[in-house]
Amino acid sequence: MPDKLLIIMSNSDPSSSCELAPPLLQASMAATMEYDVEVILTGRSSELARKGVAERVAIQSGSSRTIYDVIREAADAGTVFKVCSTTLEAAEGELIPEIREAVGAAYLISEAMDPDTVTFTY
């Protein structure tokens, strides 16, 4: 049975909480269940790695809880956050402290192909 969950967030709109919350909450839950969990932010979703972006997206209308709060909770539960190095090069600004490292396409493919890993994409 696989013991790692890899969540690849690529096409999720970085301003849409209804697209962002489910994979982040799933990551948090899986980490709480003691699975190894990695979230890789790539494509449009890599904007969440930048300070100030996730803090501006409320988890739901009228709520003071933000997507960044969910990212912090997932990280506190043990989720490891990584950002795609290619998309990182194209953007500017400081990264949120929850980003552990930048990874390339080879890393993403090798992890996704590992038989001990289940991969979700968003």
C-alpha atoms as a PDB file:
ATOM      1  CA  MET A   1       0.000   0.000   0.000  1.00  0.00           C
ATOM      2  CA  PRO A   2       1.402   3.429  -0.910  1.00  0.00           C
ATOM      3  CA  ASP A   3       2.497   5.581   2.002  1.00  0.00           C
ATOM      4  CA  LYS A   4       3.038   8.889   0.224  1.00  0.00           C
ATOM      5  CA  LEU A   5       0.595  11.381  -1.234  1.00  0.00           C
ATOM      6  CA  LEU A   6       1.889  13.755  -3.894  1.00  0.00           C
ATOM      7  CA  ILE A   7      -0.410  16.650  -4.704  1.00  0.00           C
ATOM      8  CA  ILE A   8       0.501  18.589  -7.827  1.00  0.00           C
ATOM      9  CA  MET A   9      -1.240  21.938  -8.048  1.00  0.00           C
ATOM     10  CA  SER A  10      -0.788  23.286 -11.536  1.00  0.00           C
ATOM     11  CA  ASN A  11      -4.013  24.657 -12.970  1.00  0.00           C
ATOM     12  CA  SER A  12      -5.757  25.861  -9.822  1.00  0.00           C
ATOM     13  CA  ASP A  13      -6.566  29.552 -10.050  1.00  0.00           C
ATOM     14  CA  PRO A  14      -4.505  31.269  -7.315  1.00  0.00           C
ATOM     15  CA  SER A  15      -7.371  33.648  -6.595  1.00  0.00           C
ATOM     16  CA  SER A  16     -10.123  31.007  -6.293  1.00  0.00           C
ATOM     17  CA  SER A  17     -10.585  29.518  -2.837  1.00  0.00           C
ATOM     18  CA  CYS A  18     -13.000  26.881  -4.158  1.00  0.00           C
ATOM     19  CA  GLU A  19     -10.184  25.529  -6.349  1.00  0.00           C
ATOM     20  CA  LEU A  20      -7.419  25.902  -3.765  1.00  0.00           C
ATOM     21  CA  ALA A  21      -9.003  24.751  -0.526  1.00  0.00           C
ATOM     22  CA  PRO A  22      -9.797  21.089  -1.386  1.00  0.00           C
ATOM     23  CA  PRO A  23      -6.260  19.933  -2.277  1.00  0.00           C
ATOM     24  CA  LEU A  24      -4.749  21.866   0.637  1.00  0.00           C
ATOM     25  CA  LEU A  25      -7.277  20.468   3.106  1.00  0.00           C
ATOM     26  CA  GLN A  26      -6.686  16.965   1.713  1.00  0.00           C
ATOM     27  CA  ALA A  27      -2.944  17.452   2.210  1.00  0.00           C
ATOM     28  CA  SER A  28      -3.508  18.516   5.789  1.00  0.00           C
ATOM     29  CA  MET A  29      -5.781  15.555   6.508  1.00  0.00           C
ATOM     30  CA  ALA A  30      -3.390  13.028   4.940  1.00  0.00           C
ATOM     31  CA  ALA A  31      -0.482  14.446   6.959  1.00  0.00           C
ATOM     32  CA  THR A  32      -2.602  14.208  10.121  1.00  0.00           C
ATOM     33  CA  MET A  33      -3.215  10.553   9.202  1.00  0.00           C
ATOM     34  CA  GLU A  34       0.593  10.173   9.212  1.00  0.00           C
ATOM     35  CA  TYR A  35       1.118   9.773   5.488  1.00  0.00           C
ATOM     36  CA  ASP A  36       4.093  11.446   3.859  1.00  0.00           C
ATOM     37  CA  VAL A  37       2.603  14.361   1.954  1.00  0.00           C
ATOM     38  CA  GLU A  38       4.149  16.714  -0.580  1.00  0.00           C
ATOM     39  CA  VAL A  39       2.427  19.556  -2.377  1.00  0.00           C
ATOM     40  CA  ILE A  40       4.192  20.813  -5.473  1.00  0.00           C
ATOM     41  CA  LEU A  41       3.104  24.224  -6.719  1.00  0.00           C
ATOM     42  CA  THR A  42       3.658  24.682 -10.418  1.00  0.00           C
ATOM     43  CA  GLY A  43       2.083  26.601 -13.295  1.00  0.00           C
ATOM     44  CA  ARG A  44      -0.503  29.166 -12.176  1.00  0.00           C
ATOM     45  CA  SER A  45      -0.619  27.686  -8.690  1.00  0.00           C
ATOM     46  CA  SER A  46       3.043  28.521  -8.086  1.00  0.00           C
ATOM     47  CA  GLU A  47       1.914  32.078  -7.372  1.00  0.00           C
ATOM     48  CA  LEU A  48       0.795  30.770  -3.964  1.00  0.00           C
ATOM     49  CA  ALA A  49       4.470  30.346  -3.056  1.00  0.00           C
ATOM     50  CA  ARG A  50       4.911  34.131  -3.118  1.00  0.00           C
ATOM     51  CA  LYS A  51       4.404  36.129   0.051  1.00  0.00           C
ATOM     52  CA  GLY A  52       1.163  38.076  -0.007  1.00  0.00           C
ATOM     53  CA  VAL A  53      -0.730  35.986  -2.582  1.00  0.00           C
ATOM     54  CA  ALA A  54      -2.392  33.276  -0.459  1.00  0.00           C
ATOM     55  CA  GLU A  55      -2.958  35.800   2.343  1.00  0.00           C
ATOM     56  CA  ARG A  56      -5.339  37.732   0.078  1.00  0.00           C
ATOM     57  CA  VAL A  57      -7.642  34.785  -0.674  1.00  0.00           C
ATOM     58  CA  ALA A  58     -10.357  34.139   1.922  1.00  0.00           C
ATOM     59  CA  ILE A  59     -11.276  30.496   2.356  1.00  0.00           C
ATOM     60  CA  GLN A  60     -14.904  31.534   1.864  1.00  0.00           C
ATOM     61  CA  SER A  61     -16.766  34.757   1.432  1.00  0.00           C
ATOM     62  CA  GLY A  62     -16.868  36.792   4.616  1.00  0.00           C
ATOM     63  CA  SER A  63     -14.303  34.642   6.425  1.00  0.00           C
ATOM     64  CA  SER A  64     -11.109  36.004   7.939  1.00  0.00           C
ATOM     65  CA  ARG A  65      -9.449  32.596   7.424  1.00  0.00           C
ATOM     66  CA  THR A  66      -7.278  32.609   4.312  1.00  0.00           C
ATOM     67  CA  ILE A  67      -5.725  30.080   1.977  1.00  0.00           C
ATOM     68  CA  TYR A  68      -2.409  30.950   3.614  1.00  0.00           C
ATOM     69  CA  ASP A  69      -3.876  29.851   6.966  1.00  0.00           C
ATOM     70  CA  VAL A  70      -4.707  26.490   5.355  1.00  0.00           C
ATOM     71  CA  ILE A  71      -1.171  26.222   3.933  1.00  0.00           C
ATOM     72  CA  ARG A  72       0.301  26.912   7.395  1.00  0.00           C
ATOM     73  CA  GLU A  73      -2.006  24.344   9.007  1.00  0.00           C
ATOM     74  CA  ALA A  74      -1.011  21.723   6.417  1.00  0.00           C
ATOM     75  CA  ALA A  75       2.685  22.487   6.957  1.00  0.00           C
ATOM     76  CA  ASP A  76       2.217  22.268  10.727  1.00  0.00           C
ATOM     77  CA  ALA A  77       0.602  18.844  10.218  1.00  0.00           C
ATOM     78  CA  GLY A  78       3.671  17.676   8.291  1.00  0.00           C
ATOM     79  CA  THR A  79       2.931  18.517   4.646  1.00  0.00           C
ATOM     80  CA  VAL A  80       6.040  19.466   2.694  1.00  0.00           C
ATOM     81  CA  PHE A  81       5.560  22.295   0.196  1.00  0.00           C
ATOM     82  CA  LYS A  82       7.758  22.633  -2.879  1.00  0.00           C
ATOM     83  CA  VAL A  83       7.662  24.939  -5.874  1.00  0.00           C
ATOM     84  CA  CYS A  84       8.589  24.201  -9.480  1.00  0.00           C
ATOM     85  CA  SER A  85      11.948  25.751 -10.302  1.00  0.00           C
ATOM     86  CA  THR A  86      10.900  26.749 -13.831  1.00  0.00           C
ATOM     87  CA  THR A  87       7.911  28.766 -12.695  1.00  0.00           C
ATOM     88  CA  LEU A  88       9.928  30.153  -9.806  1.00  0.00           C
ATOM     89  CA  GLU A  89      12.447  31.680 -12.221  1.00  0.00           C
ATOM     90  CA  ALA A  90       9.675  33.532 -14.072  1.00  0.00           C
ATOM     91  CA  ALA A  91       8.254  35.201 -10.972  1.00  0.00           C
ATOM     92  CA  GLU A  92       9.558  37.793  -8.566  1.00  0.00           C
ATOM     93  CA  GLY A  93       9.223  38.285  -4.833  1.00  0.00           C
ATOM     94  CA  GLU A  94       9.939  36.543  -1.588  1.00  0.00           C
ATOM     95  CA  LEU A  95       8.678  33.012  -0.940  1.00  0.00           C
ATOM     96  CA  ILE A  96       6.479  32.025   1.982  1.00  0.00           C
ATOM     97  CA  PRO A  97       8.492  30.223   4.690  1.00  0.00           C
ATOM     98  CA  GLU A  98       6.535  26.980   4.173  1.00  0.00           C
ATOM     99  CA  ILE A  99       8.279  26.348   0.826  1.00  0.00           C
ATOM    100  CA  ARG A 100      11.056  23.852   1.526  1.00  0.00           C
ATOM    101  CA  GLU A 101      12.719  23.838  -1.885  1.00  0.00           C
ATOM    102  CA  ALA A 102      12.439  24.335  -5.610  1.00  0.00           C
ATOM    103  CA  VAL A 103      12.236  21.172  -7.714  1.00  0.00           C
ATOM    104  CA  GLY A 104      12.385  20.470 -11.420  1.00  0.00           C
ATOM    105  CA  ALA A 105      10.385  18.366 -13.836  1.00  0.00           C
ATOM    106  CA  ALA A 106      12.567  15.293 -13.326  1.00  0.00           C
ATOM    107  CA  TYR A 107      11.821  15.301  -9.601  1.00  0.00           C
ATOM    108  CA  LEU A 108       8.099  15.657 -10.196  1.00  0.00           C
ATOM    109  CA  ILE A 109       8.030  12.808 -12.715  1.00  0.00           C
ATOM    110  CA  SER A 110      10.183  10.463 -10.620  1.00  0.00           C
ATOM    111  CA  GLU A 111       8.007  11.014  -7.540  1.00  0.00           C
ATOM    112  CA  ALA A 112       4.757  10.619  -9.470  1.00  0.00           C
ATOM    113  CA  MET A 113       5.979   7.348 -11.027  1.00  0.00           C
ATOM    114  CA  ASP A 114       7.050   5.834  -7.703  1.00  0.00           C
ATOM    115  CA  PRO A 115       4.824   2.826  -6.894  1.00  0.00           C
ATOM    116  CA  ASP A 116       4.735   3.869  -3.218  1.00  0.00           C
ATOM    117  CA  THR A 117       3.171   7.226  -4.146  1.00  0.00           C
ATOM    118  CA  VAL A 118      -0.400   8.188  -4.937  1.00  0.00           C
ATOM    119  CA  THR A 119      -0.596  11.342  -7.053  1.00  0.00           C
ATOM    120  CA  PHE A 120      -3.474  13.829  -7.149  1.00  0.00           C
ATOM    121  CA  THR A 121      -3.410  16.689  -9.627  1.00  0.00           C
ATOM    122  CA  TYR A 122      -5.340  19.931  -9.543  1.00  0.00           C
END
